[in-house]
Amino acid sequence: MTPVVSIIIPTYNREKDLKRALNSVLAQTFSGWQAIVVDNHSSDNTEDLVSSFNDSRIKLFKIHNEGVIAMSRNLGIKHAEGKYIAFLDSDDWWMPNKLEVSLQYLERGADLVYHNLFIVTKLHQKFFWRIAPTRHLKSPIFDDLIINGNTLNNSSVVVRKHLLDKVNGLSEDVEVVGWEDYDVWLKISNLSENF
């Protein structure tokens, strides 16, 4: 079955974090996904870990990204089969209904969905008081992003793949390393106001 959402997970030497991230994907209430792990040739047991899940929805690709994480994300996008792309950093993880709720907005016409993230500071933290906040973007979205700065937390975003294709994915220019996600949101905001 063709997945609805392709989840792009770049990683490098984060075996334990990646395990938690993938477990959060497996726990999703929406199951029509594929997870694409893009490994920057880790020296830990990343490859064995991914294989241990024994789930055909989880794919592993390797890359030498030379410190340009956009290369990893773009490789994942290139192999994505889903109509939507979700980004998940390997040191983050999702609540079980993250995809289900995001898809409700996308199926009602949104082109890009984003949300707050909880900030976790301890391994077995039980209460989440602090958040990495977002804000509601005002039209024109491009202007709001320029004037008020980036508010989209990368691991929260789910976006229509065809929009990423139209802007040629994330910039792999070394001049934008560290803000390549902001750059791509700006480009997409020139195509759609449906954030």
N, C-alpha and C. Protein backbone atom coordinates (compact mmCIF):
# COMPACT_ATOMS: atom_id res chain seq x y z
N MET A 1 0.83 -1.19 0.00
CA MET A 1 0.00 0.00 0.00
C MET A 1 0.87 1.25 0.00
N THR A 2 0.52 2.22 -0.81
CA THR A 2 1.29 3.46 -0.87
C THR A 2 1.06 4.26 0.41
N PRO A 3 2.13 4.71 1.06
CA PRO A 3 1.95 5.50 2.28
C PRO A 3 1.36 6.87 1.98
N VAL A 4 0.64 7.41 2.93
CA VAL A 4 0.08 8.76 2.82
C VAL A 4 1.13 9.78 3.24
N VAL A 5 1.90 9.45 4.26
CA VAL A 5 2.90 10.36 4.82
C VAL A 5 4.27 9.68 4.80
N SER A 6 5.26 10.42 4.32
CA SER A 6 6.65 9.97 4.41
C SER A 6 7.35 10.80 5.47
N ILE A 7 7.93 10.12 6.44
CA ILE A 7 8.58 10.78 7.57
C ILE A 7 10.09 10.76 7.32
N ILE A 8 10.69 11.93 7.27
CA ILE A 8 12.12 12.04 6.98
C ILE A 8 12.87 12.24 8.30
N ILE A 9 13.79 11.30 8.59
CA ILE A 9 14.53 11.31 9.85
C ILE A 9 16.03 11.28 9.56
N PRO A 10 16.68 12.45 9.50
CA PRO A 10 18.13 12.45 9.36
C PRO A 10 18.78 12.09 10.69
N THR A 11 19.91 11.40 10.63
CA THR A 11 20.56 11.01 11.89
C THR A 11 22.06 10.87 11.71
N TYR A 12 22.76 10.98 12.84
CA TYR A 12 24.20 10.73 12.87
C TYR A 12 24.59 10.39 14.31
N ASN A 13 24.99 9.15 14.54
CA ASN A 13 25.45 8.69 15.86
C ASN A 13 24.45 9.02 16.98
N ARG A 14 23.19 8.71 16.73
CA ARG A 14 22.16 8.93 17.74
C ARG A 14 21.32 7.68 17.92
N GLU A 15 21.96 6.57 18.03
CA GLU A 15 21.27 5.27 18.09
C GLU A 15 20.15 5.25 19.12
N LYS A 16 20.44 5.66 20.35
CA LYS A 16 19.42 5.60 21.41
C LYS A 16 18.28 6.58 21.15
N ASP A 17 18.64 7.78 20.73
CA ASP A 17 17.61 8.77 20.41
C ASP A 17 16.77 8.31 19.23
N LEU A 18 17.42 7.75 18.22
CA LEU A 18 16.71 7.27 17.04
C LEU A 18 15.72 6.17 17.41
N LYS A 19 16.12 5.30 18.32
CA LYS A 19 15.21 4.23 18.76
C LYS A 19 13.94 4.83 19.35
N ARG A 20 14.09 5.84 20.19
CA ARG A 20 12.92 6.51 20.79
C ARG A 20 12.08 7.19 19.70
N ALA A 21 12.73 7.86 18.75
CA ALA A 21 12.00 8.52 17.67
C ALA A 21 11.20 7.50 16.85
N LEU A 22 11.83 6.40 16.48
CA LEU A 22 11.14 5.38 15.69
C LEU A 22 10.02 4.70 16.48
N ASN A 23 10.24 4.48 17.76
CA ASN A 23 9.16 3.93 18.59
C ASN A 23 7.96 4.87 18.62
N SER A 24 8.22 6.18 18.61
CA SER A 24 7.10 7.13 18.61
C SER A 24 6.36 7.11 17.27
N VAL A 25 7.06 6.80 16.20
CA VAL A 25 6.42 6.66 14.89
C VAL A 25 5.57 5.39 14.87
N LEU A 26 6.12 4.29 15.38
CA LEU A 26 5.37 3.04 15.44
C LEU A 26 4.13 3.15 16.32
N ALA A 27 4.15 4.05 17.28
CA ALA A 27 3.02 4.22 18.20
C ALA A 27 1.93 5.12 17.64
N GLN A 28 2.10 5.64 16.42
CA GLN A 28 1.12 6.57 15.87
C GLN A 28 -0.25 5.90 15.69
N THR A 29 -1.29 6.67 15.97
CA THR A 29 -2.65 6.18 15.76
C THR A 29 -2.99 6.10 14.27
N PHE A 30 -2.26 6.83 13.44
CA PHE A 30 -2.39 6.74 11.98
C PHE A 30 -1.25 5.86 11.47
N SER A 31 -1.58 4.83 10.72
CA SER A 31 -0.56 3.84 10.34
C SER A 31 -0.12 3.91 8.89
N GLY A 32 -0.69 4.80 8.10
CA GLY A 32 -0.35 4.86 6.67
C GLY A 32 0.88 5.71 6.40
N TRP A 33 1.99 5.34 6.99
CA TRP A 33 3.22 6.12 6.87
C TRP A 33 4.36 5.23 6.39
N GLN A 34 5.42 5.89 5.95
CA GLN A 34 6.72 5.25 5.76
C GLN A 34 7.72 6.16 6.48
N ALA A 35 8.71 5.56 7.10
CA ALA A 35 9.77 6.32 7.77
C ALA A 35 11.06 6.12 6.98
N ILE A 36 11.67 7.22 6.61
CA ILE A 36 12.91 7.18 5.84
C ILE A 36 14.02 7.74 6.73
N VAL A 37 14.85 6.84 7.21
CA VAL A 37 16.00 7.23 8.04
C VAL A 37 17.17 7.47 7.10
N VAL A 38 17.76 8.66 7.19
CA VAL A 38 18.90 9.00 6.35
C VAL A 38 20.10 9.17 7.27
N ASP A 39 20.99 8.20 7.21
CA ASP A 39 22.12 8.13 8.13
C ASP A 39 23.39 8.69 7.49
N ASN A 40 24.03 9.62 8.18
CA ASN A 40 25.26 10.24 7.71
C ASN A 40 26.47 9.36 8.09
N HIS A 41 26.37 8.07 7.76
CA HIS A 41 27.42 7.08 8.02
C HIS A 41 27.86 7.10 9.48
N SER A 42 26.90 6.83 10.36
CA SER A 42 27.17 6.78 11.79
C SER A 42 28.19 5.69 12.11
N SER A 43 28.94 5.90 13.21
CA SER A 43 29.89 4.88 13.66
C SER A 43 29.32 4.04 14.79
N ASP A 44 28.08 4.30 15.18
CA ASP A 44 27.43 3.49 16.21
C ASP A 44 26.63 2.37 15.52
N ASN A 45 25.65 1.84 16.20
CA ASN A 45 24.87 0.71 15.65
C ASN A 45 23.56 1.14 15.00
N THR A 46 23.57 2.30 14.37
CA THR A 46 22.36 2.82 13.73
C THR A 46 21.76 1.83 12.73
N GLU A 47 22.60 1.27 11.87
CA GLU A 47 22.10 0.36 10.84
C GLU A 47 21.45 -0.87 11.45
N ASP A 48 22.08 -1.46 12.45
CA ASP A 48 21.52 -2.63 13.14
C ASP A 48 20.21 -2.27 13.84
N LEU A 49 20.19 -1.09 14.44
CA LEU A 49 18.97 -0.66 15.12
C LEU A 49 17.80 -0.59 14.15
N VAL A 50 18.01 0.08 13.02
CA VAL A 50 16.93 0.22 12.04
C VAL A 50 16.47 -1.16 11.56
N SER A 51 17.41 -2.04 11.28
CA SER A 51 17.06 -3.41 10.84
C SER A 51 16.27 -4.16 11.91
N SER A 52 16.57 -3.90 13.18
CA SER A 52 15.92 -4.62 14.27
C SER A 52 14.42 -4.36 14.35
N PHE A 53 13.97 -3.26 13.79
CA PHE A 53 12.53 -2.98 13.82
C PHE A 53 11.75 -3.92 12.91
N ASN A 54 12.41 -4.46 11.88
CA ASN A 54 11.79 -5.45 11.01
C ASN A 54 10.40 -5.02 10.55
N ASP A 55 10.31 -3.77 10.06
CA ASP A 55 9.05 -3.20 9.59
C ASP A 55 9.32 -2.64 8.19
N SER A 56 8.61 -3.15 7.20
CA SER A 56 8.87 -2.75 5.81
C SER A 56 8.57 -1.27 5.56
N ARG A 57 7.88 -0.62 6.49
CA ARG A 57 7.60 0.81 6.33
C ARG A 57 8.81 1.68 6.69
N ILE A 58 9.82 1.07 7.32
CA ILE A 58 11.02 1.82 7.73
C ILE A 58 12.15 1.51 6.76
N LYS A 59 12.65 2.54 6.10
CA LYS A 59 13.73 2.39 5.12
C LYS A 59 14.97 3.12 5.63
N LEU A 60 16.13 2.63 5.26
CA LEU A 60 17.39 3.26 5.63
C LEU A 60 18.19 3.60 4.38
N PHE A 61 18.64 4.84 4.33
CA PHE A 61 19.54 5.30 3.27
C PHE A 61 20.76 5.91 3.94
N LYS A 62 21.88 5.85 3.25
CA LYS A 62 23.12 6.42 3.79
C LYS A 62 23.61 7.54 2.87
N ILE A 63 24.27 8.50 3.49
CA ILE A 63 24.77 9.65 2.75
C ILE A 63 25.99 10.20 3.48
N HIS A 64 26.88 10.82 2.74
CA HIS A 64 27.92 11.66 3.32
C HIS A 64 27.46 13.09 3.09
N ASN A 65 26.86 13.71 4.09
CA ASN A 65 26.27 15.03 3.86
C ASN A 65 27.21 16.19 4.12
N GLU A 66 28.44 15.91 4.57
CA GLU A 66 29.46 16.94 4.76
C GLU A 66 28.99 18.07 5.67
N GLY A 67 28.11 17.75 6.63
CA GLY A 67 27.61 18.75 7.56
C GLY A 67 26.44 19.56 7.04
N VAL A 68 25.94 19.20 5.88
CA VAL A 68 24.79 19.91 5.28
C VAL A 68 23.57 19.00 5.44
N ILE A 69 22.84 19.19 6.53
CA ILE A 69 21.72 18.29 6.85
C ILE A 69 20.63 18.34 5.78
N ALA A 70 20.57 19.44 5.03
CA ALA A 70 19.59 19.54 3.94
C ALA A 70 19.81 18.43 2.91
N MET A 71 21.05 18.01 2.72
CA MET A 71 21.33 16.91 1.79
C MET A 71 20.64 15.63 2.26
N SER A 72 20.68 15.39 3.56
CA SER A 72 20.02 14.21 4.12
C SER A 72 18.52 14.30 3.94
N ARG A 73 17.96 15.45 4.26
CA ARG A 73 16.50 15.62 4.12
C ARG A 73 16.07 15.50 2.66
N ASN A 74 16.84 16.10 1.76
CA ASN A 74 16.49 16.01 0.34
C ASN A 74 16.57 14.59 -0.19
N LEU A 75 17.55 13.81 0.28
CA LEU A 75 17.62 12.41 -0.13
C LEU A 75 16.36 11.67 0.34
N GLY A 76 15.93 11.96 1.56
CA GLY A 76 14.70 11.36 2.06
C GLY A 76 13.49 11.76 1.23
N ILE A 77 13.39 13.04 0.89
CA ILE A 77 12.28 13.53 0.07
C ILE A 77 12.29 12.85 -1.30
N LYS A 78 13.48 12.67 -1.86
CA LYS A 78 13.60 12.02 -3.17
C LYS A 78 13.03 10.60 -3.16
N HIS A 79 13.19 9.90 -2.04
CA HIS A 79 12.71 8.52 -1.95
C HIS A 79 11.30 8.42 -1.33
N ALA A 80 10.72 9.56 -1.02
CA ALA A 80 9.41 9.57 -0.36
C ALA A 80 8.30 9.19 -1.34
N GLU A 81 7.41 8.33 -0.88
CA GLU A 81 6.27 7.90 -1.68
C GLU A 81 4.98 8.59 -1.25
N GLY A 82 4.98 9.21 -0.09
CA GLY A 82 3.76 9.81 0.45
C GLY A 82 3.41 11.13 -0.21
N LYS A 83 2.16 11.49 -0.10
CA LYS A 83 1.68 12.76 -0.61
C LYS A 83 2.07 13.89 0.33
N TYR A 84 2.34 13.53 1.59
CA TYR A 84 2.79 14.50 2.59
C TYR A 84 4.18 14.10 3.10
N ILE A 85 4.94 15.11 3.48
CA ILE A 85 6.26 14.91 4.09
C ILE A 85 6.20 15.42 5.52
N ALA A 86 6.60 14.58 6.45
CA ALA A 86 6.73 14.99 7.86
C ALA A 86 8.21 14.95 8.22
N PHE A 87 8.65 15.94 8.95
CA PHE A 87 10.05 15.99 9.38
C PHE A 87 10.13 15.61 10.85
N LEU A 88 11.09 14.75 11.17
CA LEU A 88 11.33 14.35 12.55
C LEU A 88 12.83 14.23 12.76
N ASP A 89 13.38 15.08 13.60
CA ASP A 89 14.80 14.97 13.93
C ASP A 89 14.98 13.75 14.82
N SER A 90 16.13 13.09 14.70
CA SER A 90 16.31 11.81 15.40
C SER A 90 16.39 11.96 16.92
N ASP A 91 16.57 13.16 17.44
CA ASP A 91 16.58 13.35 18.90
C ASP A 91 15.24 13.86 19.42
N ASP A 92 14.23 13.88 18.56
CA ASP A 92 12.88 14.28 18.95
C ASP A 92 11.96 13.06 18.85
N TRP A 93 10.76 13.20 19.39
CA TRP A 93 9.76 12.14 19.23
C TRP A 93 8.38 12.76 19.32
N TRP A 94 7.39 11.99 18.87
CA TRP A 94 6.03 12.51 18.73
C TRP A 94 5.07 11.88 19.72
N MET A 95 4.01 12.63 20.03
CA MET A 95 2.86 12.09 20.73
C MET A 95 2.15 11.12 19.77
N PRO A 96 1.43 10.13 20.29
CA PRO A 96 0.83 9.10 19.42
C PRO A 96 -0.16 9.62 18.38
N ASN A 97 -0.82 10.73 18.63
CA ASN A 97 -1.82 11.21 17.67
C ASN A 97 -1.30 12.33 16.77
N LYS A 98 0.00 12.57 16.75
CA LYS A 98 0.58 13.67 15.98
C LYS A 98 0.18 13.61 14.50
N LEU A 99 0.38 12.48 13.86
CA LEU A 99 0.05 12.39 12.43
C LEU A 99 -1.45 12.46 12.20
N GLU A 100 -2.22 11.79 13.02
CA GLU A 100 -3.68 11.79 12.87
C GLU A 100 -4.22 13.22 12.90
N VAL A 101 -3.80 13.99 13.88
CA VAL A 101 -4.30 15.37 14.01
C VAL A 101 -3.79 16.24 12.87
N SER A 102 -2.52 16.10 12.52
CA SER A 102 -1.95 16.89 11.42
C SER A 102 -2.70 16.62 10.12
N LEU A 103 -3.00 15.35 9.87
CA LEU A 103 -3.70 14.98 8.63
C LEU A 103 -5.12 15.53 8.58
N GLN A 104 -5.76 15.68 9.73
CA GLN A 104 -7.10 16.27 9.75
C GLN A 104 -7.05 17.68 9.15
N TYR A 105 -6.04 18.45 9.51
CA TYR A 105 -5.90 19.80 8.97
C TYR A 105 -5.52 19.78 7.50
N LEU A 106 -4.62 18.89 7.13
CA LEU A 106 -4.19 18.80 5.73
C LEU A 106 -5.33 18.36 4.83
N GLU A 107 -6.12 17.41 5.28
CA GLU A 107 -7.24 16.93 4.46
C GLU A 107 -8.35 17.97 4.35
N ARG A 108 -8.35 18.94 5.24
CA ARG A 108 -9.32 20.04 5.15
C ARG A 108 -8.77 21.22 4.35
N GLY A 109 -7.58 21.06 3.77
CA GLY A 109 -7.08 22.09 2.86
C GLY A 109 -5.79 22.78 3.25
N ALA A 110 -5.27 22.54 4.45
CA ALA A 110 -3.99 23.13 4.80
C ALA A 110 -2.89 22.55 3.91
N ASP A 111 -1.90 23.35 3.62
CA ASP A 111 -0.76 22.87 2.84
C ASP A 111 0.44 22.56 3.72
N LEU A 112 0.49 23.19 4.89
CA LEU A 112 1.59 22.97 5.82
C LEU A 112 1.04 23.10 7.24
N VAL A 113 1.34 22.12 8.07
CA VAL A 113 0.88 22.10 9.46
C VAL A 113 2.10 22.14 10.37
N TYR A 114 1.99 22.88 11.46
CA TYR A 114 3.07 22.96 12.45
C TYR A 114 2.44 23.18 13.82
N HIS A 115 3.21 22.97 14.89
CA HIS A 115 2.67 23.09 16.24
C HIS A 115 3.79 23.29 17.25
N ASN A 116 3.40 23.58 18.47
CA ASN A 116 4.37 23.70 19.57
C ASN A 116 5.04 22.36 19.82
N LEU A 117 6.20 22.41 20.45
CA LEU A 117 6.87 21.20 20.92
C LEU A 117 7.12 21.34 22.42
N PHE A 118 7.00 20.23 23.13
CA PHE A 118 7.41 20.22 24.53
C PHE A 118 8.93 20.20 24.61
N ILE A 119 9.48 20.87 25.61
CA ILE A 119 10.91 20.83 25.86
C ILE A 119 11.17 19.81 26.96
N VAL A 120 12.00 18.82 26.63
CA VAL A 120 12.31 17.76 27.58
C VAL A 120 13.77 17.91 28.00
N THR A 121 14.00 17.94 29.30
CA THR A 121 15.37 18.16 29.80
C THR A 121 15.92 16.97 30.57
N LYS A 122 15.05 16.01 30.93
CA LYS A 122 15.51 14.84 31.69
C LYS A 122 15.02 13.57 31.02
N LEU A 123 15.79 12.52 31.16
CA LEU A 123 15.51 11.26 30.48
C LEU A 123 14.12 10.71 30.80
N HIS A 124 13.74 10.70 32.09
CA HIS A 124 12.45 10.11 32.47
C HIS A 124 11.47 11.19 32.94
N GLN A 125 11.52 12.33 32.30
CA GLN A 125 10.64 13.44 32.65
C GLN A 125 9.18 13.04 32.48
N LYS A 126 8.36 13.34 33.48
CA LYS A 126 6.94 12.95 33.44
C LYS A 126 6.02 14.13 33.16
N PHE A 127 6.45 15.33 33.53
CA PHE A 127 5.63 16.52 33.33
C PHE A 127 6.33 17.46 32.37
N PHE A 128 5.56 18.09 31.52
CA PHE A 128 6.11 18.95 30.48
C PHE A 128 5.53 20.36 30.65
N TRP A 129 6.30 21.19 31.33
CA TRP A 129 5.83 22.54 31.63
C TRP A 129 6.28 23.55 30.58
N ARG A 130 7.42 23.28 29.97
CA ARG A 130 7.98 24.25 29.03
C ARG A 130 7.73 23.79 27.60
N ILE A 131 7.46 24.76 26.73
CA ILE A 131 7.25 24.44 25.33
C ILE A 131 8.14 25.32 24.46
N ALA A 132 8.46 24.81 23.29
CA ALA A 132 9.06 25.62 22.23
C ALA A 132 7.87 26.15 21.44
N PRO A 133 7.49 27.41 21.69
CA PRO A 133 6.22 27.90 21.15
C PRO A 133 6.27 28.29 19.68
N THR A 134 5.11 28.24 19.08
CA THR A 134 4.91 28.77 17.73
C THR A 134 3.93 29.93 17.86
N ARG A 135 3.57 30.49 16.76
CA ARG A 135 2.53 31.54 16.75
C ARG A 135 1.69 31.35 15.50
N HIS A 136 0.50 31.93 15.52
CA HIS A 136 -0.34 31.91 14.33
C HIS A 136 0.25 32.91 13.34
N LEU A 137 0.50 32.45 12.14
CA LEU A 137 1.05 33.33 11.11
C LEU A 137 -0.07 34.16 10.49
N LYS A 138 0.24 35.42 10.25
CA LYS A 138 -0.74 36.33 9.64
C LYS A 138 -0.39 36.52 8.17
N SER A 139 -1.42 36.73 7.37
CA SER A 139 -1.25 36.94 5.94
C SER A 139 -0.76 38.37 5.69
N PRO A 140 0.15 38.55 4.75
CA PRO A 140 0.85 37.54 3.98
C PRO A 140 1.90 36.81 4.83
N ILE A 141 1.89 35.51 4.73
CA ILE A 141 2.75 34.67 5.58
C ILE A 141 4.23 34.95 5.34
N PHE A 142 4.59 35.18 4.09
CA PHE A 142 6.00 35.50 3.80
C PHE A 142 6.44 36.71 4.62
N ASP A 143 5.62 37.77 4.62
CA ASP A 143 5.97 38.99 5.36
C ASP A 143 6.06 38.71 6.85
N ASP A 144 5.11 37.94 7.39
CA ASP A 144 5.13 37.61 8.82
C ASP A 144 6.42 36.88 9.18
N LEU A 145 6.81 35.91 8.35
CA LEU A 145 8.03 35.15 8.62
C LEU A 145 9.27 36.05 8.54
N ILE A 146 9.28 36.98 7.61
CA ILE A 146 10.43 37.89 7.48
C ILE A 146 10.48 38.86 8.66
N ILE A 147 9.35 39.46 8.98
CA ILE A 147 9.32 40.51 10.02
C ILE A 147 9.47 39.92 11.42
N ASN A 148 8.78 38.81 11.68
CA ASN A 148 8.73 38.26 13.04
C ASN A 148 9.60 37.02 13.25
N GLY A 149 10.22 36.53 12.19
CA GLY A 149 11.12 35.39 12.32
C GLY A 149 10.43 34.04 12.18
N ASN A 150 11.26 33.01 12.19
CA ASN A 150 10.77 31.64 12.01
C ASN A 150 10.03 31.18 13.26
N THR A 151 8.86 30.61 13.07
CA THR A 151 8.08 30.07 14.19
C THR A 151 7.78 28.59 14.00
N LEU A 152 8.27 28.00 12.93
CA LEU A 152 7.96 26.60 12.62
C LEU A 152 9.05 25.68 13.17
N ASN A 153 8.69 24.89 14.16
CA ASN A 153 9.61 23.89 14.70
C ASN A 153 9.70 22.73 13.72
N ASN A 154 10.90 22.44 13.27
CA ASN A 154 11.10 21.47 12.19
C ASN A 154 10.41 20.14 12.45
N SER A 155 10.55 19.59 13.65
CA SER A 155 9.97 18.27 13.93
C SER A 155 8.46 18.29 14.09
N SER A 156 7.86 19.47 13.94
CA SER A 156 6.40 19.55 14.01
C SER A 156 5.78 19.61 12.61
N VAL A 157 6.56 19.92 11.60
CA VAL A 157 6.01 20.23 10.27
C VAL A 157 5.60 18.99 9.50
N VAL A 158 4.41 19.08 8.90
CA VAL A 158 3.95 18.15 7.87
C VAL A 158 3.50 19.02 6.71
N VAL A 159 4.01 18.73 5.52
CA VAL A 159 3.79 19.60 4.36
C VAL A 159 3.50 18.75 3.12
N ARG A 160 2.77 19.32 2.20
CA ARG A 160 2.49 18.62 0.94
C ARG A 160 3.80 18.46 0.14
N LYS A 161 4.06 17.25 -0.29
CA LYS A 161 5.30 16.96 -1.01
C LYS A 161 5.42 17.79 -2.28
N HIS A 162 4.32 18.00 -2.98
CA HIS A 162 4.42 18.72 -4.25
C HIS A 162 4.92 20.14 -4.06
N LEU A 163 4.70 20.73 -2.88
CA LEU A 163 5.24 22.07 -2.62
C LEU A 163 6.75 22.02 -2.43
N LEU A 164 7.23 21.01 -1.73
CA LEU A 164 8.69 20.84 -1.60
C LEU A 164 9.32 20.59 -2.97
N ASP A 165 8.65 19.82 -3.80
CA ASP A 165 9.16 19.57 -5.15
C ASP A 165 9.23 20.86 -5.96
N LYS A 166 8.20 21.71 -5.82
CA LYS A 166 8.16 22.97 -6.58
C LYS A 166 9.28 23.91 -6.20
N VAL A 167 9.73 23.87 -4.96
CA VAL A 167 10.82 24.77 -4.53
C VAL A 167 12.17 24.05 -4.55
N ASN A 168 12.21 22.86 -5.17
CA ASN A 168 13.45 22.07 -5.28
C ASN A 168 14.03 21.67 -3.93
N GLY A 169 13.15 21.38 -2.98
CA GLY A 169 13.59 20.91 -1.66
C GLY A 169 14.30 21.97 -0.87
N LEU A 170 15.08 21.51 0.09
CA LEU A 170 15.82 22.43 0.95
C LEU A 170 17.13 22.82 0.29
N SER A 171 17.54 24.06 0.50
CA SER A 171 18.80 24.53 -0.06
C SER A 171 19.97 23.78 0.56
N GLU A 172 20.86 23.31 -0.29
CA GLU A 172 22.07 22.63 0.17
C GLU A 172 23.27 23.57 0.16
N ASP A 173 23.02 24.84 -0.03
CA ASP A 173 24.06 25.87 -0.01
C ASP A 173 24.63 25.99 1.40
N VAL A 174 25.94 25.93 1.54
CA VAL A 174 26.55 26.02 2.87
C VAL A 174 26.26 27.36 3.55
N GLU A 175 25.90 28.36 2.77
CA GLU A 175 25.58 29.68 3.33
C GLU A 175 24.29 29.66 4.16
N VAL A 176 23.42 28.67 3.94
CA VAL A 176 22.16 28.63 4.69
C VAL A 176 22.11 27.48 5.71
N VAL A 177 23.26 26.83 5.93
CA VAL A 177 23.29 25.77 6.95
C VAL A 177 22.89 26.37 8.29
N GLY A 178 21.97 25.71 8.95
CA GLY A 178 21.47 26.20 10.24
C GLY A 178 20.13 26.92 10.12
N TRP A 179 19.81 27.37 8.93
CA TRP A 179 18.49 27.99 8.73
C TRP A 179 17.85 27.56 7.41
N GLU A 180 18.28 26.37 6.93
CA GLU A 180 17.71 25.86 5.68
C GLU A 180 16.22 25.56 5.79
N ASP A 181 15.76 25.21 7.00
CA ASP A 181 14.32 24.97 7.17
C ASP A 181 13.55 26.29 7.03
N TYR A 182 14.03 27.35 7.67
CA TYR A 182 13.42 28.68 7.56
C TYR A 182 13.37 29.11 6.10
N ASP A 183 14.45 28.90 5.39
CA ASP A 183 14.54 29.25 3.97
C ASP A 183 13.45 28.54 3.16
N VAL A 184 13.23 27.25 3.43
CA VAL A 184 12.23 26.53 2.64
C VAL A 184 10.81 26.95 3.03
N TRP A 185 10.58 27.30 4.31
CA TRP A 185 9.24 27.79 4.68
C TRP A 185 8.96 29.11 3.95
N LEU A 186 9.97 29.96 3.85
CA LEU A 186 9.80 31.23 3.11
C LEU A 186 9.45 30.95 1.66
N LYS A 187 10.14 30.02 1.04
CA LYS A 187 9.86 29.69 -0.37
C LYS A 187 8.44 29.14 -0.53
N ILE A 188 8.04 28.27 0.38
CA ILE A 188 6.69 27.69 0.29
C ILE A 188 5.63 28.76 0.53
N SER A 189 5.94 29.73 1.40
CA SER A 189 4.95 30.80 1.68
C SER A 189 4.71 31.68 0.46
N ASN A 190 5.59 31.64 -0.54
CA ASN A 190 5.34 32.34 -1.79
C ASN A 190 4.39 31.55 -2.69
N LEU A 191 4.15 30.29 -2.35
CA LEU A 191 3.25 29.44 -3.14
C LEU A 191 1.90 29.23 -2.47
N SER A 192 1.86 29.34 -1.14
CA SER A 192 0.64 29.04 -0.41
C SER A 192 0.53 29.88 0.86
N GLU A 193 -0.69 30.27 1.15
CA GLU A 193 -1.01 30.95 2.41
C GLU A 193 -1.64 29.99 3.40
N ASN A 194 -1.77 28.71 3.02
CA ASN A 194 -2.49 27.74 3.84
C ASN A 194 -1.56 27.04 4.83
N PHE A 195 -1.02 27.82 5.76
CA PHE A 195 -0.17 27.30 6.84
C PHE A 195 -1.06 27.12 8.06
